[in-house]
Every structure is written in structure tokens, then in C-alpha cells.
């Protein structure tokens, strides 16, 4: 039996487990089972809370909680903006981190800090997004667009749609392609963005290892960064609307902060299948 919690941030949902001393590593099959929406709990990924000293390659504070994040297909991911907000909420509700002040967290994208706000949202420092001008093109359904490459601790290709493109008509049940192929050897998250007005955009996303999701936190930071670059702005606050709700991205001095909801909706225990059991 495995104790778990279920949480989401703008309907980007996760299964959360605590394994402080790394006694119960999760296999790819374990992750796929937990994320299965019919046979398991259901989620876009799994967030395992483990002490950072047990994570190979971590060179920071060994006593921090580390967000061991896995995509629904079992693959490792460097970072998840919605996930880190939900992770901070989970730690606070479990009594593993203070509910007030700044919570410092380890991730595969490096150190992150989160603050639980009075209005129920969580604000996370997302580091310094890297926006590059390298020529990238994304193709889907026979159409092709230029894309902006953005690194938010994980890779993104952001397509800012033109006037003749309909965000809602895109079929994201299939993964978009990109060129040159070697630009993203480990896959990429692809965001399609539509301007709504000054400081506001709408976004849909296909996440690598998952498919289309209702939200992607790092993707919203990537979208805001790409639009800011296109508009010649460096600082400001962008409202990003996704199918699962809305978040705010603040860009200032080359750094980014992401604020949005994070909710734990259930707790329970699940019987993990035996090896080879379907």
C-alpha cells in the first residue's frame, strides 16, 4: 500500500507521495499506474517528496525537500511550474514545511523558492528564462509556424499565433513536430499562444511525455517571455489564461515569478500492483 495525495494547479494534476529517506523509489511502471485515469489515481505526473541528499548530482543543501518529478509516461522532467506550487502546498499541509514565509525547494532545474499567499495562491521564483533567437519551426496539421525557444529549466517552443490562426481549432491530441530536429534532442513542450490584449494572452500546450494538458506552469512563463521579447518589453506582469484557469507571470530584471492556485483535493492509500500484474 502507498499513501498518496492528489492535487492540481489550474487543473494540471499530480499524485504526491512522501519518501523522505528514498526507501520507495518509483519505477516507470509505478508512475504509469499511478497516473492512469482508469486503473490508477490519475494525473499528469507524480511528485515524490524526498530529502535532497538522496538525489544523485544534487550539490546544494542536503536537507531541502526535493521535488522528484516524473511525467505520466514515467520519464524524468527537470521542472514543473504548476507542480512546484502544488508541491509547496502539499509540504505545508503535511507539516513538512512552514505555511508562512518562503519555502526553499530542490528541483532538477536547481533551487526554487515558493511562498503561500493569503489569497490561496502560491508564488514561485522560476529563475531566469533563457530566450534564444535560434531559428525554430513547429508544424502541426499541415501548418507551420516560427517558434521562439525558451529554457525555463526545461525546454519550450512557443508559437505566437497570427490573426488568421484559431487557437481553439488546433488538434493537440498528436504531438507537434519541429525543425531542426536536433534543437530538442530530449523532446520539447510546445505552446501555442494568442494575444488577448495588453499584458494578457491565452495558451494551449502539448507537454512532452504527457500530451495536451489543461495547464503548464513553465509553459506560461515561456509564453510570457516569448511575447515580451516580441513586444520589445523586458519587465511587466502578464496574465496567462489556460484551459484550466489563469496564472500571473511577472518578469523583472531577467527573472520570472509565477503566481497561481494550488489545491490538494484528496488523500488516501492505493495498492500498488505486483511486478507483472496488469
C-alpha atoms as a PDB file:
ATOM      1  CA  UNK A   1       0.000   0.000   0.000  1.00  0.00           C
ATOM      2  CA  UNK A   2       1.189   3.508  -0.813  1.00  0.00           C
ATOM      3  CA  UNK A   3      -0.133   6.654   0.883  1.00  0.00           C
ATOM      4  CA  UNK A   4      -0.779   9.475  -1.562  1.00  0.00           C
ATOM      5  CA  UNK A   5      -2.356  12.876  -2.037  1.00  0.00           C
ATOM      6  CA  UNK A   6      -3.910  14.286  -5.191  1.00  0.00           C
ATOM      7  CA  UNK A   7      -3.547  17.949  -6.106  1.00  0.00           C
ATOM      8  CA  UNK A   8      -3.720  20.332  -9.027  1.00  0.00           C
ATOM      9  CA  UNK A   9      -2.732  23.809 -10.159  1.00  0.00           C
ATOM     10  CA  UNK A  10      -5.115  25.191 -12.798  1.00  0.00           C
ATOM     11  CA  UNK A  11      -6.155  21.559 -13.477  1.00  0.00           C
ATOM     12  CA  UNK A  12      -2.603  20.396 -14.165  1.00  0.00           C
ATOM     13  CA  UNK A  13      -2.903  17.455 -11.753  1.00  0.00           C
ATOM     14  CA  UNK A  14      -0.447  15.345  -9.814  1.00  0.00           C
ATOM     15  CA  UNK A  15      -0.167  12.374  -7.490  1.00  0.00           C
ATOM     16  CA  UNK A  16       2.021  13.249  -4.484  1.00  0.00           C
ATOM     17  CA  UNK A  17       3.877  10.870  -2.181  1.00  0.00           C
ATOM     18  CA  UNK A  18       6.362  11.355   0.660  1.00  0.00           C
ATOM     19  CA  UNK A  19       9.521   9.235   0.735  1.00  0.00           C
ATOM     20  CA  UNK A  20      11.943  11.273   2.829  1.00  0.00           C
ATOM     21  CA  UNK A  21      14.657   8.606   3.042  1.00  0.00           C
ATOM     22  CA  UNK A  22      14.311   7.292  -0.521  1.00  0.00           C
ATOM     23  CA  UNK A  23      13.056   3.904   0.666  1.00  0.00           C
ATOM     24  CA  UNK A  24      10.390   3.536  -2.045  1.00  0.00           C
ATOM     25  CA  UNK A  25      11.746   4.656  -5.436  1.00  0.00           C
ATOM     26  CA  UNK A  26       9.089   4.547  -8.138  1.00  0.00           C
ATOM     27  CA  UNK A  27       9.651   2.597 -11.329  1.00  0.00           C
ATOM     28  CA  UNK A  28       8.395   3.794 -14.700  1.00  0.00           C
ATOM     29  CA  UNK A  29       5.579   1.231 -14.421  1.00  0.00           C
ATOM     30  CA  UNK A  30       4.676   2.549 -10.944  1.00  0.00           C
ATOM     31  CA  UNK A  31       4.386   6.081 -12.294  1.00  0.00           C
ATOM     32  CA  UNK A  32       2.314   4.997 -15.277  1.00  0.00           C
ATOM     33  CA  UNK A  33      -0.029   3.083 -12.956  1.00  0.00           C
ATOM     34  CA  UNK A  34      -0.475   5.985 -10.553  1.00  0.00           C
ATOM     35  CA  UNK A  35      -1.180   8.405 -13.419  1.00  0.00           C
ATOM     36  CA  UNK A  36      -3.612   6.064 -15.194  1.00  0.00           C
ATOM     37  CA  UNK A  37      -7.009   7.777 -15.073  1.00  0.00           C
ATOM     38  CA  UNK A  38      -8.943   4.496 -15.198  1.00  0.00           C
ATOM     39  CA  UNK A  39      -6.835   1.867 -13.449  1.00  0.00           C
ATOM     40  CA  UNK A  40      -4.906   4.145 -11.080  1.00  0.00           C
ATOM     41  CA  UNK A  41      -5.320   7.519  -9.391  1.00  0.00           C
ATOM     42  CA  UNK A  42      -4.941   9.716 -12.453  1.00  0.00           C
ATOM     43  CA  UNK A  43      -2.598  12.616 -13.074  1.00  0.00           C
ATOM     44  CA  UNK A  44      -0.312  14.440 -15.468  1.00  0.00           C
ATOM     45  CA  UNK A  45       2.632  13.402 -13.303  1.00  0.00           C
ATOM     46  CA  UNK A  46       3.924  12.202  -9.938  1.00  0.00           C
ATOM     47  CA  UNK A  47       5.651  14.427  -7.370  1.00  0.00           C
ATOM     48  CA  UNK A  48       7.732  12.479  -4.838  1.00  0.00           C
ATOM     49  CA  UNK A  49       8.974  14.371  -1.772  1.00  0.00           C
ATOM     50  CA  UNK A  50      12.451  13.106  -0.907  1.00  0.00           C
ATOM     51  CA  UNK A  51      15.314  14.697   1.011  1.00  0.00           C
ATOM     52  CA  UNK A  52      17.760  16.239  -1.444  1.00  0.00           C
ATOM     53  CA  UNK A  53      20.731  14.291  -0.030  1.00  0.00           C
ATOM     54  CA  UNK A  54      19.408  11.197  -1.784  1.00  0.00           C
ATOM     55  CA  UNK A  55      19.310  12.768  -5.254  1.00  0.00           C
ATOM     56  CA  UNK A  56      22.304  11.935  -7.404  1.00  0.00           C
ATOM     57  CA  UNK A  57      24.045  15.058  -8.675  1.00  0.00           C
ATOM     58  CA  UNK A  58      22.438  17.458  -6.186  1.00  0.00           C
ATOM     59  CA  UNK A  59      25.120  19.795  -4.862  1.00  0.00           C
ATOM     60  CA  UNK A  60      23.012  22.120  -2.718  1.00  0.00           C
ATOM     61  CA  UNK A  61      21.594  21.947   0.790  1.00  0.00           C
ATOM     62  CA  UNK A  62      21.134  18.208   1.541  1.00  0.00           C
ATOM     63  CA  UNK A  63      18.288  18.868   3.995  1.00  0.00           C
ATOM     64  CA  UNK A  64      15.964  20.522   1.493  1.00  0.00           C
ATOM     65  CA  UNK A  65      12.885  18.744   0.234  1.00  0.00           C
ATOM     66  CA  UNK A  66      13.473  17.749  -3.374  1.00  0.00           C
ATOM     67  CA  UNK A  67      10.654  17.573  -5.919  1.00  0.00           C
ATOM     68  CA  UNK A  68      11.339  14.300  -7.731  1.00  0.00           C
ATOM     69  CA  UNK A  69       9.044  14.908 -10.708  1.00  0.00           C
ATOM     70  CA  UNK A  70       8.033  12.281 -13.241  1.00  0.00           C
ATOM     71  CA  UNK A  71       5.816  12.714 -16.279  1.00  0.00           C
ATOM     72  CA  UNK A  72       2.786  10.460 -16.722  1.00  0.00           C
ATOM     73  CA  UNK A  73       4.755   8.171 -19.054  1.00  0.00           C
ATOM     74  CA  UNK A  74       7.402   7.611 -16.370  1.00  0.00           C
ATOM     75  CA  UNK A  75      10.062   9.890 -17.853  1.00  0.00           C
ATOM     76  CA  UNK A  76      12.009  12.309 -15.689  1.00  0.00           C
ATOM     77  CA  UNK A  77      11.334  16.036 -16.011  1.00  0.00           C
ATOM     78  CA  UNK A  78      13.578  18.869 -14.892  1.00  0.00           C
ATOM     79  CA  UNK A  79      10.901  21.251 -13.691  1.00  0.00           C
ATOM     80  CA  UNK A  80       7.156  21.891 -13.492  1.00  0.00           C
ATOM     81  CA  UNK A  81       5.786  25.315 -12.586  1.00  0.00           C
ATOM     82  CA  UNK A  82       2.321  24.120 -11.589  1.00  0.00           C
ATOM     83  CA  UNK A  83       3.859  21.099  -9.890  1.00  0.00           C
ATOM     84  CA  UNK A  84       6.196  23.132  -7.701  1.00  0.00           C
ATOM     85  CA  UNK A  85       3.265  25.236  -6.449  1.00  0.00           C
ATOM     86  CA  UNK A  86       1.267  22.106  -5.615  1.00  0.00           C
ATOM     87  CA  UNK A  87       4.382  20.558  -4.059  1.00  0.00           C
ATOM     88  CA  UNK A  88       4.829  23.567  -1.754  1.00  0.00           C
ATOM     89  CA  UNK A  89       1.145  23.422  -0.756  1.00  0.00           C
ATOM     90  CA  UNK A  90       1.473  19.702  -0.020  1.00  0.00           C
ATOM     91  CA  UNK A  91       4.573  20.146   2.150  1.00  0.00           C
ATOM     92  CA  UNK A  92       2.845  22.874   4.171  1.00  0.00           C
ATOM     93  CA  UNK A  93      -0.357  20.860   4.673  1.00  0.00           C
ATOM     94  CA  UNK A  94       1.632  17.769   5.665  1.00  0.00           C
ATOM     95  CA  UNK A  95       3.556  19.781   8.279  1.00  0.00           C
ATOM     96  CA  UNK A  96       6.812  19.216   6.404  1.00  0.00           C
ATOM     97  CA  UNK A  97       7.372  22.923   5.667  1.00  0.00           C
ATOM     98  CA  UNK A  98       6.171  26.189   7.237  1.00  0.00           C
ATOM     99  CA  UNK A  99       2.866  27.597   5.985  1.00  0.00           C
ATOM    100  CA  UNK A 100       4.268  31.129   6.233  1.00  0.00           C
ATOM    101  CA  UNK A 101       7.386  32.634   4.740  1.00  0.00           C
ATOM    102  CA  UNK A 102       9.495  31.231   1.920  1.00  0.00           C
ATOM    103  CA  UNK A 103       9.835  27.500   1.286  1.00  0.00           C
ATOM    104  CA  UNK A 104      13.107  26.566  -0.423  1.00  0.00           C
ATOM    105  CA  UNK A 105      12.890  23.509  -2.680  1.00  0.00           C
ATOM    106  CA  UNK A 106      15.245  21.421  -4.741  1.00  0.00           C
ATOM    107  CA  UNK A 107      14.402  20.532  -8.343  1.00  0.00           C
ATOM    108  CA  UNK A 108      16.333  19.120 -11.291  1.00  0.00           C
ATOM    109  CA  UNK A 109      16.335  22.677 -12.660  1.00  0.00           C
ATOM    110  CA  UNK A 110      18.020  23.915  -9.482  1.00  0.00           C
ATOM    111  CA  UNK A 111      16.857  25.722  -6.357  1.00  0.00           C
ATOM    112  CA  UNK A 112      13.357  27.201  -6.316  1.00  0.00           C
ATOM    113  CA  UNK A 113      11.528  29.201  -3.643  1.00  0.00           C
ATOM    114  CA  UNK A 114       7.789  29.311  -3.019  1.00  0.00           C
ATOM    115  CA  UNK A 115       5.541  31.499  -0.896  1.00  0.00           C
ATOM    116  CA  UNK A 116       1.961  30.665   0.116  1.00  0.00           C
ATOM    117  CA  UNK A 117      -0.084  33.832  -0.384  1.00  0.00           C
ATOM    118  CA  UNK A 118      -3.048  34.922   1.737  1.00  0.00           C
ATOM    119  CA  UNK A 119      -5.451  34.635  -1.217  1.00  0.00           C
ATOM    120  CA  UNK A 120      -4.786  30.907  -1.625  1.00  0.00           C
ATOM    121  CA  UNK A 121      -2.324  31.220  -4.474  1.00  0.00           C
ATOM    122  CA  UNK A 122       1.329  30.192  -4.388  1.00  0.00           C
ATOM    123  CA  UNK A 123       4.070  32.432  -5.795  1.00  0.00           C
ATOM    124  CA  UNK A 124       7.209  30.721  -7.083  1.00  0.00           C
ATOM    125  CA  UNK A 125      10.535  32.132  -8.198  1.00  0.00           C
ATOM    126  CA  UNK A 126      11.149  30.480 -11.562  1.00  0.00           C
ATOM    127  CA  UNK A 127      14.728  31.524 -12.190  1.00  0.00           C
ATOM    128  CA  UNK A 128      15.972  33.282 -15.309  1.00  0.00           C
ATOM    129  CA  UNK A 129      14.208  32.165 -18.504  1.00  0.00           C
ATOM    130  CA  UNK A 130      16.575  31.810 -21.422  1.00  0.00           C
ATOM    131  CA  UNK A 131      15.080  33.123 -24.660  1.00  0.00           C
ATOM    132  CA  UNK A 132      17.050  32.415 -27.821  1.00  0.00           C
ATOM    133  CA  UNK A 133      16.708  33.719 -31.345  1.00  0.00           C
ATOM    134  CA  UNK A 134      17.754  30.419 -32.937  1.00  0.00           C
ATOM    135  CA  UNK A 135      15.518  29.683 -35.922  1.00  0.00           C
ATOM    136  CA  UNK A 136      12.956  27.041 -34.969  1.00  0.00           C
ATOM    137  CA  UNK A 137       9.809  25.984 -36.791  1.00  0.00           C
ATOM    138  CA  UNK A 138       6.879  23.996 -35.425  1.00  0.00           C
ATOM    139  CA  UNK A 139       4.480  22.075 -37.633  1.00  0.00           C
ATOM    140  CA  UNK A 140       1.046  20.597 -36.926  1.00  0.00           C
ATOM    141  CA  UNK A 141      -1.884  19.527 -39.113  1.00  0.00           C
ATOM    142  CA  UNK A 142      -0.052  20.564 -42.267  1.00  0.00           C
ATOM    143  CA  UNK A 143       0.553  24.101 -40.973  1.00  0.00           C
ATOM    144  CA  UNK A 144       3.906  25.562 -39.949  1.00  0.00           C
ATOM    145  CA  UNK A 145       4.912  28.482 -37.735  1.00  0.00           C
ATOM    146  CA  UNK A 146       8.126  30.100 -36.484  1.00  0.00           C
ATOM    147  CA  UNK A 147       8.705  29.406 -32.795  1.00  0.00           C
ATOM    148  CA  UNK A 148      10.706  31.013 -30.011  1.00  0.00           C
ATOM    149  CA  UNK A 149      12.920  28.674 -27.982  1.00  0.00           C
ATOM    150  CA  UNK A 150      12.695  29.317 -24.242  1.00  0.00           C
ATOM    151  CA  UNK A 151      14.509  27.464 -21.446  1.00  0.00           C
ATOM    152  CA  UNK A 152      12.672  27.596 -18.090  1.00  0.00           C
ATOM    153  CA  UNK A 153      14.744  24.811 -16.592  1.00  0.00           C
ATOM    154  CA  UNK A 154      13.064  22.636 -19.212  1.00  0.00           C
ATOM    155  CA  UNK A 155      12.717  23.210 -22.980  1.00  0.00           C
ATOM    156  CA  UNK A 156       9.856  25.056 -24.686  1.00  0.00           C
ATOM    157  CA  UNK A 157       8.985  26.081 -28.230  1.00  0.00           C
ATOM    158  CA  UNK A 158       6.476  28.952 -28.208  1.00  0.00           C
ATOM    159  CA  UNK A 159       4.344  29.729 -31.237  1.00  0.00           C
ATOM    160  CA  UNK A 160       2.698  33.166 -31.177  1.00  0.00           C
ATOM    161  CA  UNK A 161      -0.280  32.764 -33.497  1.00  0.00           C
ATOM    162  CA  UNK A 162      -1.163  35.303 -36.142  1.00  0.00           C
ATOM    163  CA  UNK A 163      -4.527  36.863 -36.910  1.00  0.00           C
ATOM    164  CA  UNK A 164      -5.603  34.055 -39.229  1.00  0.00           C
ATOM    165  CA  UNK A 165      -4.912  31.246 -36.755  1.00  0.00           C
ATOM    166  CA  UNK A 166      -7.564  29.828 -34.416  1.00  0.00           C
ATOM    167  CA  UNK A 167      -6.211  28.629 -31.064  1.00  0.00           C
ATOM    168  CA  UNK A 168      -9.283  26.534 -30.374  1.00  0.00           C
ATOM    169  CA  UNK A 169      -9.143  24.678 -33.688  1.00  0.00           C
ATOM    170  CA  UNK A 170      -5.725  23.106 -33.130  1.00  0.00           C
ATOM    171  CA  UNK A 171      -5.659  19.327 -32.654  1.00  0.00           C
ATOM    172  CA  UNK A 172      -3.163  18.729 -29.855  1.00  0.00           C
ATOM    173  CA  UNK A 173      -4.024  15.058 -29.405  1.00  0.00           C
ATOM    174  CA  UNK A 174      -0.924  14.471 -31.539  1.00  0.00           C
ATOM    175  CA  UNK A 175       2.481  15.877 -30.730  1.00  0.00           C
ATOM    176  CA  UNK A 176       3.611  18.799 -32.908  1.00  0.00           C
ATOM    177  CA  UNK A 177       6.845  18.366 -34.837  1.00  0.00           C
ATOM    178  CA  UNK A 178       9.752  20.790 -35.016  1.00  0.00           C
ATOM    179  CA  UNK A 179      12.768  21.632 -37.093  1.00  0.00           C
ATOM    180  CA  UNK A 180      15.633  21.360 -36.866  1.00  0.00           C
ATOM    181  CA  UNK A 181      15.080  18.042 -35.086  1.00  0.00           C
ATOM    182  CA  UNK A 182      18.376  18.322 -33.206  1.00  0.00           C
ATOM    183  CA  UNK A 183      17.237  21.521 -31.494  1.00  0.00           C
ATOM    184  CA  UNK A 184      15.429  19.487 -28.816  1.00  0.00           C
ATOM    185  CA  UNK A 185      17.040  16.030 -28.630  1.00  0.00           C
ATOM    186  CA  UNK A 186      15.093  15.129 -25.466  1.00  0.00           C
ATOM    187  CA  UNK A 187      11.750  16.436 -26.684  1.00  0.00           C
ATOM    188  CA  UNK A 188      10.068  19.777 -26.070  1.00  0.00           C
ATOM    189  CA  UNK A 189       6.933  21.333 -24.628  1.00  0.00           C
ATOM    190  CA  UNK A 190       5.105  23.246 -27.369  1.00  0.00           C
ATOM    191  CA  UNK A 191       2.933  26.261 -26.511  1.00  0.00           C
ATOM    192  CA  UNK A 192       0.503  27.959 -28.884  1.00  0.00           C
ATOM    193  CA  UNK A 193      -0.257  31.500 -27.758  1.00  0.00           C
ATOM    194  CA  UNK A 194      -2.914  34.008 -28.751  1.00  0.00           C
ATOM    195  CA  UNK A 195      -2.736  37.665 -27.710  1.00  0.00           C
ATOM    196  CA  UNK A 196      -5.896  38.922 -25.925  1.00  0.00           C
ATOM    197  CA  UNK A 197      -4.850  42.489 -25.190  1.00  0.00           C
ATOM    198  CA  UNK A 198      -2.203  44.434 -23.348  1.00  0.00           C
ATOM    199  CA  UNK A 199      -0.482  42.114 -20.881  1.00  0.00           C
ATOM    200  CA  UNK A 200      -2.824  39.168 -21.446  1.00  0.00           C
ATOM    201  CA  UNK A 201      -2.594  36.015 -23.565  1.00  0.00           C
ATOM    202  CA  UNK A 202      -4.365  32.681 -23.990  1.00  0.00           C
ATOM    203  CA  UNK A 203      -2.385  29.469 -24.312  1.00  0.00           C
ATOM    204  CA  UNK A 204      -2.708  25.788 -25.121  1.00  0.00           C
ATOM    205  CA  UNK A 205       0.141  23.333 -24.661  1.00  0.00           C
ATOM    206  CA  UNK A 206       1.309  19.880 -25.655  1.00  0.00           C
ATOM    207  CA  UNK A 207       3.644  18.616 -22.927  1.00  0.00           C
ATOM    208  CA  UNK A 208       6.326  16.080 -23.740  1.00  0.00           C
ATOM    209  CA  UNK A 209       5.650  12.766 -22.012  1.00  0.00           C
ATOM    210  CA  UNK A 210       2.020  13.689 -21.285  1.00  0.00           C
ATOM    211  CA  UNK A 211       0.098  15.161 -24.235  1.00  0.00           C
ATOM    212  CA  UNK A 212      -2.203  18.160 -24.124  1.00  0.00           C
ATOM    213  CA  UNK A 213      -2.772  19.348 -20.555  1.00  0.00           C
ATOM    214  CA  UNK A 214      -5.099  21.947 -19.108  1.00  0.00           C
ATOM    215  CA  UNK A 215      -2.110  23.988 -17.992  1.00  0.00           C
ATOM    216  CA  UNK A 216       1.690  24.065 -17.912  1.00  0.00           C
ATOM    217  CA  UNK A 217       3.337  26.401 -15.399  1.00  0.00           C
ATOM    218  CA  UNK A 218       6.746  26.572 -17.021  1.00  0.00           C
ATOM    219  CA  UNK A 219       4.907  26.930 -20.327  1.00  0.00           C
ATOM    220  CA  UNK A 220       3.107  30.053 -19.118  1.00  0.00           C
ATOM    221  CA  UNK A 221       6.468  31.564 -18.153  1.00  0.00           C
ATOM    222  CA  UNK A 222       7.842  30.607 -21.566  1.00  0.00           C
ATOM    223  CA  UNK A 223       4.799  32.143 -23.282  1.00  0.00           C
ATOM    224  CA  UNK A 224       5.077  35.410 -21.371  1.00  0.00           C
ATOM    225  CA  UNK A 225       8.812  35.550 -22.066  1.00  0.00           C
ATOM    226  CA  UNK A 226       8.328  34.972 -25.803  1.00  0.00           C
ATOM    227  CA  UNK A 227       5.577  37.609 -26.080  1.00  0.00           C
ATOM    228  CA  UNK A 228       7.669  40.061 -24.059  1.00  0.00           C
ATOM    229  CA  UNK A 229      10.591  39.526 -26.442  1.00  0.00           C
ATOM    230  CA  UNK A 230       8.322  40.036 -29.467  1.00  0.00           C
ATOM    231  CA  UNK A 231       6.936  43.258 -27.996  1.00  0.00           C
ATOM    232  CA  UNK A 232      10.341  44.594 -27.001  1.00  0.00           C
ATOM    233  CA  UNK A 233       9.452  44.580 -23.299  1.00  0.00           C
ATOM    234  CA  UNK A 234      11.684  43.314 -20.537  1.00  0.00           C
ATOM    235  CA  UNK A 235       9.642  43.835 -17.364  1.00  0.00           C
ATOM    236  CA  UNK A 236       5.952  43.539 -16.599  1.00  0.00           C
ATOM    237  CA  UNK A 237       3.145  41.261 -15.467  1.00  0.00           C
ATOM    238  CA  UNK A 238       1.313  39.004 -17.908  1.00  0.00           C
ATOM    239  CA  UNK A 239      -1.977  37.250 -17.264  1.00  0.00           C
ATOM    240  CA  UNK A 240      -1.870  33.877 -18.987  1.00  0.00           C
ATOM    241  CA  UNK A 241      -5.193  32.114 -19.494  1.00  0.00           C
ATOM    242  CA  UNK A 242      -5.111  28.342 -19.972  1.00  0.00           C
ATOM    243  CA  UNK A 243      -7.979  25.845 -20.264  1.00  0.00           C
ATOM    244  CA  UNK A 244      -7.643  25.139 -16.529  1.00  0.00           C
ATOM    245  CA  UNK A 245      -7.765  28.751 -15.309  1.00  0.00           C
ATOM    246  CA  UNK A 246      -5.362  31.668 -15.136  1.00  0.00           C
ATOM    247  CA  UNK A 247      -1.966  32.488 -13.698  1.00  0.00           C
ATOM    248  CA  UNK A 248       0.212  35.589 -13.497  1.00  0.00           C
ATOM    249  CA  UNK A 249       3.786  35.759 -14.707  1.00  0.00           C
ATOM    250  CA  UNK A 250       5.984  38.615 -13.519  1.00  0.00           C
ATOM    251  CA  UNK A 251       9.170  39.335 -15.453  1.00  0.00           C
ATOM    252  CA  UNK A 252      11.660  41.636 -13.791  1.00  0.00           C
ATOM    253  CA  UNK A 253      15.403  42.089 -14.277  1.00  0.00           C
ATOM    254  CA  UNK A 254      15.691  38.903 -16.312  1.00  0.00           C
ATOM    255  CA  UNK A 255      13.994  36.804 -13.621  1.00  0.00           C
ATOM    256  CA  UNK A 256      10.489  35.337 -13.505  1.00  0.00           C
ATOM    257  CA  UNK A 257       7.861  34.692 -10.837  1.00  0.00           C
ATOM    258  CA  UNK A 258       4.758  32.556 -11.326  1.00  0.00           C
ATOM    259  CA  UNK A 259       1.637  33.008  -9.172  1.00  0.00           C
ATOM    260  CA  UNK A 260      -1.436  30.812  -9.317  1.00  0.00           C
ATOM    261  CA  UNK A 261      -3.707  28.430  -7.426  1.00  0.00           C
ATOM    262  CA  UNK A 262      -2.551  25.156  -5.874  1.00  0.00           C
ATOM    263  CA  UNK A 263      -5.020  22.810  -4.204  1.00  0.00           C
ATOM    264  CA  UNK A 264      -4.793  19.409  -2.508  1.00  0.00           C
ATOM    265  CA  UNK A 265      -8.115  17.693  -3.222  1.00  0.00           C
ATOM    266  CA  UNK A 266      -7.752  14.168  -1.796  1.00  0.00           C
ATOM    267  CA  UNK A 267      -5.670  11.823   0.328  1.00  0.00           C
ATOM    268  CA  UNK A 268      -5.732   8.063   0.559  1.00  0.00           C
ATOM    269  CA  UNK A 269      -3.905   4.772   0.094  1.00  0.00           C
ATOM    270  CA  UNK A 270      -3.535   2.745  -3.063  1.00  0.00           C
ATOM    271  CA  UNK A 271      -2.496  -0.870  -3.572  1.00  0.00           C
ATOM    272  CA  UNK A 272       0.413  -0.896  -5.954  1.00  0.00           C
ATOM    273  CA  UNK A 273       0.308  -3.751  -8.484  1.00  0.00           C
ATOM    274  CA  UNK A 274       2.797  -6.572  -8.146  1.00  0.00           C
ATOM    275  CA  UNK A 275       5.508  -6.865 -10.769  1.00  0.00           C
ATOM    276  CA  UNK A 276       3.987  -8.140 -13.975  1.00  0.00           C
ATOM    277  CA  UNK A 277       0.420  -7.547 -12.783  1.00  0.00           C
ATOM    278  CA  UNK A 278      -1.807  -5.660 -15.206  1.00  0.00           C
END
